[in-house]
Amino acid sequence: MSQFARFSPLGDQAVLVTLGESIDEGTHRRVRAAAARIDAQALAGVIDQVPAFTSIAVHYDPAGVAGSDERSPYDRLVAMLDSALADLHPEALPPPRVVEIPVAYGDDFGPDLDEVARAHDLQPDDVIRIHSEGDYLVYMVGFMPGFAYLGGLPERIATPRRPSPRTAVPAGSVGIGGPLTGVYPLEAPGGWNLIGRTPLHIFDIDRAQSTLLGVGDRVRFRPISAPDFRAWRR
């Protein structure tokens, strides 16, 4: 029996595997290790899995899991998952990939930078320095294709989401939402505080790897000037 995992139904075609109670690196490593183990086991009937902050949603085809005994497909899959995760070793994960993201901060690129600074009795340059000195971890990808939720934001600049979301946030915008930071991969509505923008294409359907960031990556932000941003785009 797994010492880490708890199982519960998520509708009639998914199992929620809970691996912790808090958003921290220990739980994150268990989630990553469990996702890798489920992939490697190729369990019968499993069609997809979606890692999150503290859990994994394992989607399955009940007909593919059904067997000759009286157990339900859910019970059979839980037994297989429990066995697969019984000797999970999170410390065996490979070293993370490090991704550097250039960011033009403030002005039209980051219209909320001054407001974030005022909320913490800081100068805008202080927010830029604190944000760009951080070491961030991709805990999960969701909300829209390629949107990575980055943990590790210094508490000094953690800022609640805006009370009124914008109807259109430009692609590449770098924002702060509570204790997290992230980059909008596509233009979309959003309520995070926008402090800058990157010229990189975070999501590109025509790339071999369409999303720039993946779960477990380490991210660092590097300040660039407005002319650098425009030259990069050209």
Protein backbone atom coordinates (compact mmCIF):
# COMPACT_ATOMS: atom_id res chain seq x y z
CA MET A 1 0.00 0.00 0.00
CA SER A 2 1.26 3.47 -0.88
CA GLN A 3 2.31 5.56 2.11
CA PHE A 4 1.74 8.81 0.18
CA ALA A 5 -1.42 8.48 -1.90
CA ARG A 6 -5.10 8.81 -1.08
CA PHE A 7 -7.71 7.92 -3.70
CA SER A 8 -11.19 9.31 -4.34
CA PRO A 9 -13.62 9.28 -7.29
CA LEU A 10 -13.69 12.28 -9.61
CA GLY A 11 -16.90 11.68 -11.53
CA ASP A 12 -17.41 8.22 -13.01
CA GLN A 13 -14.32 8.16 -15.26
CA ALA A 14 -11.50 9.61 -13.16
CA VAL A 15 -9.63 8.94 -9.93
CA LEU A 16 -8.19 11.78 -7.86
CA VAL A 17 -4.83 10.74 -6.39
CA THR A 18 -4.00 13.13 -3.52
CA LEU A 19 -0.33 13.22 -2.53
CA GLY A 20 -0.19 16.07 -0.01
CA GLU A 21 -2.10 18.85 1.68
CA SER A 22 0.05 21.91 1.02
CA ILE A 23 1.78 23.59 -1.92
CA ASP A 24 5.43 22.88 -1.23
CA GLU A 25 8.39 21.27 -2.97
CA GLY A 26 8.08 17.98 -1.09
CA THR A 27 4.51 17.47 -2.27
CA HIS A 28 5.45 18.68 -5.75
CA ARG A 29 8.19 16.06 -6.00
CA ARG A 30 5.75 13.33 -4.96
CA VAL A 31 3.29 14.49 -7.64
CA ARG A 32 5.99 14.44 -10.32
CA ALA A 33 7.29 11.04 -9.22
CA ALA A 34 3.79 9.57 -9.16
CA ALA A 35 2.98 10.95 -12.61
CA ALA A 36 6.19 9.44 -14.00
CA ARG A 37 5.40 6.09 -12.38
CA ILE A 38 1.84 6.02 -13.76
CA ASP A 39 3.19 6.77 -17.24
CA ALA A 40 5.80 4.03 -16.95
CA GLN A 41 3.29 1.43 -15.71
CA ALA A 42 0.92 1.96 -18.69
CA LEU A 43 -2.03 0.78 -16.60
CA ALA A 44 -4.91 -0.82 -18.51
CA GLY A 45 -7.75 1.59 -19.19
CA VAL A 46 -5.88 4.78 -18.23
CA ILE A 47 -6.24 7.35 -21.00
CA ASP A 48 -4.82 10.55 -19.44
CA GLN A 49 -3.50 12.11 -16.26
CA VAL A 50 -3.43 15.74 -15.15
CA PRO A 51 -0.95 16.71 -12.39
CA ALA A 52 -1.88 19.64 -10.13
CA PHE A 53 -0.43 21.29 -7.01
CA THR A 54 -1.09 18.38 -4.62
CA SER A 55 -2.83 15.74 -6.72
CA ILE A 56 -3.19 13.95 -10.04
CA ALA A 57 -6.48 13.38 -11.86
CA VAL A 58 -6.23 9.99 -13.58
CA HIS A 59 -8.81 9.63 -16.36
CA TYR A 60 -9.82 6.16 -17.49
CA ASP A 61 -12.13 4.19 -19.75
CA PRO A 62 -14.27 1.96 -17.49
CA ALA A 63 -14.58 -0.65 -20.24
CA GLY A 64 -10.79 -0.89 -20.42
CA VAL A 65 -10.46 -1.43 -16.68
CA ALA A 66 -13.33 -3.87 -16.18
CA GLY A 67 -12.38 -7.44 -15.25
CA SER A 68 -13.97 -10.79 -14.42
CA ASP A 69 -14.34 -10.22 -10.67
CA GLU A 70 -17.14 -8.36 -8.93
CA ARG A 71 -15.17 -5.17 -8.28
CA SER A 72 -16.15 -1.97 -10.07
CA PRO A 73 -13.76 -0.45 -12.66
CA TYR A 74 -13.02 2.30 -10.12
CA ASP A 75 -12.05 -0.19 -7.41
CA ARG A 76 -9.91 -2.18 -9.82
CA LEU A 77 -8.06 0.93 -11.00
CA VAL A 78 -7.51 2.17 -7.44
CA ALA A 79 -5.97 -1.21 -6.59
CA MET A 80 -3.66 -0.95 -9.61
CA LEU A 81 -2.68 2.63 -8.76
CA ASP A 82 -2.07 1.75 -5.12
CA SER A 83 0.21 -1.10 -6.16
CA ALA A 84 2.03 1.06 -8.75
CA LEU A 85 2.77 3.80 -6.21
CA ALA A 86 3.60 1.54 -3.26
CA ASP A 87 7.38 2.08 -3.32
CA LEU A 88 7.45 5.62 -4.70
CA HIS A 89 10.79 7.41 -4.32
CA PRO A 90 10.47 11.16 -5.04
CA GLU A 91 14.20 11.68 -4.54
CA ALA A 92 14.91 9.76 -7.75
CA LEU A 93 13.68 12.56 -10.04
CA PRO A 94 16.11 13.90 -12.68
CA PRO A 95 17.60 17.41 -12.30
CA PRO A 96 15.17 20.15 -13.38
CA ARG A 97 15.48 22.09 -16.61
CA VAL A 98 16.31 25.80 -16.09
CA VAL A 99 14.53 28.31 -18.34
CA GLU A 100 15.48 32.00 -18.47
CA ILE A 101 12.74 34.42 -19.49
CA PRO A 102 13.63 38.01 -20.50
CA VAL A 103 11.14 40.60 -19.23
CA ALA A 104 10.57 44.29 -19.97
CA TYR A 105 9.14 45.63 -16.71
CA GLY A 106 6.78 48.55 -16.13
CA ASP A 107 5.30 51.21 -18.42
CA ASP A 108 2.97 49.74 -21.06
CA PHE A 109 4.52 46.31 -20.55
CA GLY A 110 3.60 46.19 -16.85
CA PRO A 111 0.77 48.62 -16.08
CA ASP A 112 0.35 47.38 -12.48
CA LEU A 113 4.01 47.64 -11.44
CA ASP A 114 3.58 50.98 -9.65
CA GLU A 115 0.47 49.77 -7.85
CA VAL A 116 2.24 46.61 -6.65
CA ALA A 117 5.13 48.74 -5.41
CA ARG A 118 2.80 51.08 -3.48
CA ALA A 119 0.99 48.13 -1.89
CA HIS A 120 4.28 47.02 -0.30
CA ASP A 121 5.83 50.44 0.41
CA LEU A 122 8.47 49.77 -2.24
CA GLN A 123 9.79 51.55 -5.29
CA PRO A 124 9.07 50.01 -8.72
CA ASP A 125 12.78 49.24 -9.12
CA ASP A 126 12.64 47.28 -5.84
CA VAL A 127 9.79 45.12 -7.18
CA ILE A 128 11.74 44.48 -10.39
CA ARG A 129 14.85 43.51 -8.44
CA ILE A 130 13.00 41.22 -6.02
CA HIS A 131 10.99 39.56 -8.79
CA SER A 132 13.98 39.00 -11.09
CA GLU A 133 16.16 37.64 -8.27
CA GLY A 134 13.64 34.88 -7.48
CA ASP A 135 14.13 31.19 -8.22
CA TYR A 136 10.79 29.82 -9.42
CA LEU A 137 9.38 26.32 -9.77
CA VAL A 138 6.66 25.24 -12.22
CA TYR A 139 4.16 23.51 -9.95
CA MET A 140 1.49 22.91 -12.58
CA VAL A 141 0.30 23.96 -16.03
CA GLY A 142 -3.36 24.83 -16.55
CA PHE A 143 -5.99 27.55 -17.00
CA MET A 144 -5.01 27.85 -20.67
CA PRO A 145 -2.46 26.04 -22.90
CA GLY A 146 1.02 26.68 -21.57
CA PHE A 147 0.08 28.74 -18.49
CA ALA A 148 2.58 27.73 -15.80
CA TYR A 149 1.89 28.41 -12.13
CA LEU A 150 5.24 29.42 -10.64
CA GLY A 151 5.91 29.04 -6.93
CA GLY A 152 8.76 30.75 -5.11
CA LEU A 153 7.54 34.35 -5.31
CA PRO A 154 9.13 36.31 -2.43
CA GLU A 155 6.52 37.19 0.20
CA ARG A 156 7.59 40.86 0.04
CA ILE A 157 5.82 41.27 -3.31
CA ALA A 158 3.00 38.70 -3.03
CA THR A 159 -0.11 40.64 -4.07
CA PRO A 160 -3.79 39.58 -4.24
CA ARG A 161 -5.38 39.40 -7.64
CA ARG A 162 -7.08 42.51 -8.96
CA PRO A 163 -10.71 42.96 -7.81
CA SER A 164 -11.81 43.44 -11.44
CA PRO A 165 -10.14 41.20 -14.06
CA ARG A 166 -9.12 42.65 -17.41
CA THR A 167 -11.06 41.41 -20.42
CA ALA A 168 -7.86 41.04 -22.48
CA VAL A 169 -4.33 40.51 -21.14
CA PRO A 170 -1.64 40.58 -23.87
CA ALA A 171 0.27 37.37 -24.58
CA GLY A 172 3.61 37.34 -22.79
CA SER A 173 2.41 39.43 -19.84
CA VAL A 174 4.12 38.60 -16.56
CA GLY A 175 1.82 38.79 -13.57
CA ILE A 176 1.54 38.26 -9.84
CA GLY A 177 -1.49 36.48 -8.39
CA GLY A 178 -1.29 36.08 -4.61
CA PRO A 179 1.78 33.97 -3.75
CA LEU A 180 2.36 32.94 -7.38
CA THR A 181 3.78 34.49 -10.53
CA GLY A 182 3.30 33.45 -14.13
CA VAL A 183 3.33 34.39 -17.81
CA TYR A 184 0.20 34.60 -19.95
CA PRO A 185 0.95 32.42 -23.01
CA LEU A 186 -1.99 33.77 -25.03
CA GLU A 187 -4.17 36.87 -24.99
CA ALA A 188 -6.95 36.14 -22.54
CA PRO A 189 -9.02 37.63 -19.72
CA GLY A 190 -7.16 37.68 -16.42
CA GLY A 191 -6.99 39.22 -12.98
CA TRP A 192 -3.30 38.98 -12.10
CA ASN A 193 -1.25 42.12 -11.45
CA LEU A 194 0.76 42.80 -14.61
CA ILE A 195 4.33 43.92 -13.93
CA GLY A 196 6.07 43.21 -17.26
CA ARG A 197 6.05 41.34 -20.54
CA THR A 198 8.36 38.90 -22.28
CA PRO A 199 9.04 38.83 -26.03
CA LEU A 200 9.22 35.03 -25.92
CA HIS A 201 6.36 32.95 -27.30
CA ILE A 202 5.38 30.87 -24.29
CA PHE A 203 2.95 28.80 -26.36
CA ASP A 204 3.36 28.06 -30.08
CA ILE A 205 1.27 25.33 -31.65
CA ASP A 206 3.75 25.04 -34.53
CA ARG A 207 6.72 24.20 -32.29
CA ALA A 208 7.73 20.59 -31.68
CA GLN A 209 7.22 21.31 -27.97
CA SER A 210 4.34 23.76 -28.06
CA THR A 211 4.65 24.90 -24.44
CA LEU A 212 7.87 26.56 -23.31
CA LEU A 213 7.45 25.56 -19.67
CA GLY A 214 6.68 22.18 -18.13
CA VAL A 215 5.98 20.84 -14.65
CA GLY A 216 9.22 20.68 -12.64
CA ASP A 217 11.10 23.32 -14.64
CA ARG A 218 13.01 26.05 -12.82
CA VAL A 219 12.40 29.59 -14.12
CA ARG A 220 14.43 32.77 -13.78
CA PHE A 221 13.43 36.20 -15.05
CA ARG A 222 15.98 38.59 -16.58
CA PRO A 223 15.15 42.31 -16.92
CA ILE A 224 15.53 43.82 -20.40
CA SER A 225 14.86 47.30 -21.78
CA ALA A 226 11.95 48.34 -23.99
CA PRO A 227 14.28 48.65 -27.03
CA ASP A 228 15.61 45.15 -26.30
CA PHE A 229 12.02 43.87 -26.23
CA ARG A 230 11.19 45.40 -29.60
CA ALA A 231 14.46 44.22 -31.16
CA TRP A 232 13.79 40.70 -29.89
CA ARG A 233 10.35 40.71 -31.47
CA ARG A 234 11.78 41.90 -34.81
